[in-house]
Amino acid sequence: MLSRFLGKRSSHFPSARVELEKDVTLAQQGDLDVRNDLIKNYIPFISQVTSKVCKRFIDPSKDDEFSVAMEAFDEAISKYT
């Protein structure tokens, strides 16, 4: 799943994968700054996936679907193994 999350970049940047796993572990252990940074850094990804699923442009400031996607991303951080 993490390779899908990182996309093709993970094969070119194995250190990015290790860093992401480290950040996810810290977030799972309760580091809210790391968790918030992860979410903030992946807002474009969350928005893109949400738009693809909804088959329309999603405005993060107006559409409830984006809020649901953000909650799902936060939950994915918590449940990642």
Protein backbone atom coordinates (compact mmCIF):
# COMPACT_ATOMS: atom_id res chain seq x y z
CA MET A 1 0.00 0.00 0.00
CA LEU A 2 2.81 2.40 0.81
CA SER A 3 4.24 1.99 -2.69
CA ARG A 4 0.85 2.95 -4.15
CA PHE A 5 0.77 5.89 -1.75
CA LEU A 6 4.20 7.09 -2.87
CA GLY A 7 3.68 6.10 -6.49
CA LYS A 8 6.59 5.48 -8.83
CA ARG A 9 8.77 7.88 -6.85
CA SER A 10 9.40 5.27 -4.15
CA SER A 11 11.57 3.12 -6.42
CA HIS A 12 13.73 6.11 -7.28
CA PHE A 13 13.94 7.47 -3.74
CA PRO A 14 14.11 4.62 -1.22
CA SER A 15 15.13 7.11 1.48
CA ALA A 16 11.80 8.91 0.98
CA ARG A 17 9.99 5.66 1.72
CA VAL A 18 12.00 5.10 4.89
CA GLU A 19 11.39 8.70 5.97
CA LEU A 20 7.65 8.39 5.34
CA GLU A 21 7.46 5.17 7.36
CA LYS A 22 9.37 6.87 10.17
CA ASP A 23 6.97 9.83 10.12
CA VAL A 24 3.93 7.55 10.11
CA THR A 25 5.32 5.66 13.10
CA LEU A 26 5.91 8.92 14.98
CA ALA A 27 2.38 10.08 14.14
CA GLN A 28 0.97 6.78 15.39
CA GLN A 29 2.87 7.27 18.64
CA GLY A 30 1.13 10.59 19.20
CA ASP A 31 3.37 13.23 17.60
CA LEU A 32 0.68 15.64 16.43
CA ASP A 33 3.14 17.96 14.68
CA VAL A 34 4.35 15.10 12.47
CA ARG A 35 0.78 13.95 11.84
CA ASN A 36 -0.30 17.46 10.84
CA ASP A 37 2.76 17.85 8.59
CA LEU A 38 1.99 14.53 6.88
CA ILE A 39 -1.57 15.60 6.21
CA LYS A 40 -0.52 19.07 5.04
CA ASN A 41 2.14 17.65 2.69
CA TYR A 42 -0.33 15.23 1.13
CA ILE A 43 -3.23 17.66 0.59
CA PRO A 44 -2.60 17.70 -3.20
CA PHE A 45 -2.69 13.89 -3.23
CA ILE A 46 -5.86 13.79 -1.12
CA SER A 47 -7.51 16.37 -3.36
CA GLN A 48 -6.52 14.54 -6.54
CA VAL A 49 -7.80 11.17 -5.32
CA THR A 50 -11.02 12.73 -4.06
CA SER A 51 -11.60 14.40 -7.42
CA LYS A 52 -11.01 11.12 -9.25
CA VAL A 53 -13.40 9.22 -7.01
CA CYS A 54 -16.10 11.90 -7.27
CA LYS A 55 -15.44 12.39 -11.00
CA ARG A 56 -15.47 16.17 -10.64
CA PHE A 57 -13.34 19.02 -9.37
CA ILE A 58 -13.25 19.17 -5.58
CA ASP A 59 -12.78 22.53 -3.92
CA PRO A 60 -11.11 21.81 -0.56
CA SER A 61 -12.60 24.95 0.97
CA LYS A 62 -16.19 24.16 -0.03
CA ASP A 63 -16.77 20.45 -0.66
CA ASP A 64 -17.65 18.08 2.17
CA GLU A 65 -16.08 15.21 0.22
CA PHE A 66 -12.66 16.73 0.86
CA SER A 67 -13.29 16.76 4.61
CA VAL A 68 -14.28 13.10 4.48
CA ALA A 69 -11.12 12.31 2.50
CA MET A 70 -8.98 14.14 5.05
CA GLU A 71 -10.54 12.10 7.85
CA ALA A 72 -9.91 8.91 5.89
CA PHE A 73 -6.27 9.89 5.36
CA ASP A 74 -5.89 10.58 9.08
CA GLU A 75 -7.42 7.19 9.86
CA ALA A 76 -5.08 5.54 7.34
CA ILE A 77 -2.11 7.02 9.21
CA SER A 78 -3.43 5.53 12.45
CA LYS A 79 -4.09 2.07 11.02
CA TYR A 80 -1.02 1.68 8.77
CA THR A 81 1.13 -1.37 9.59
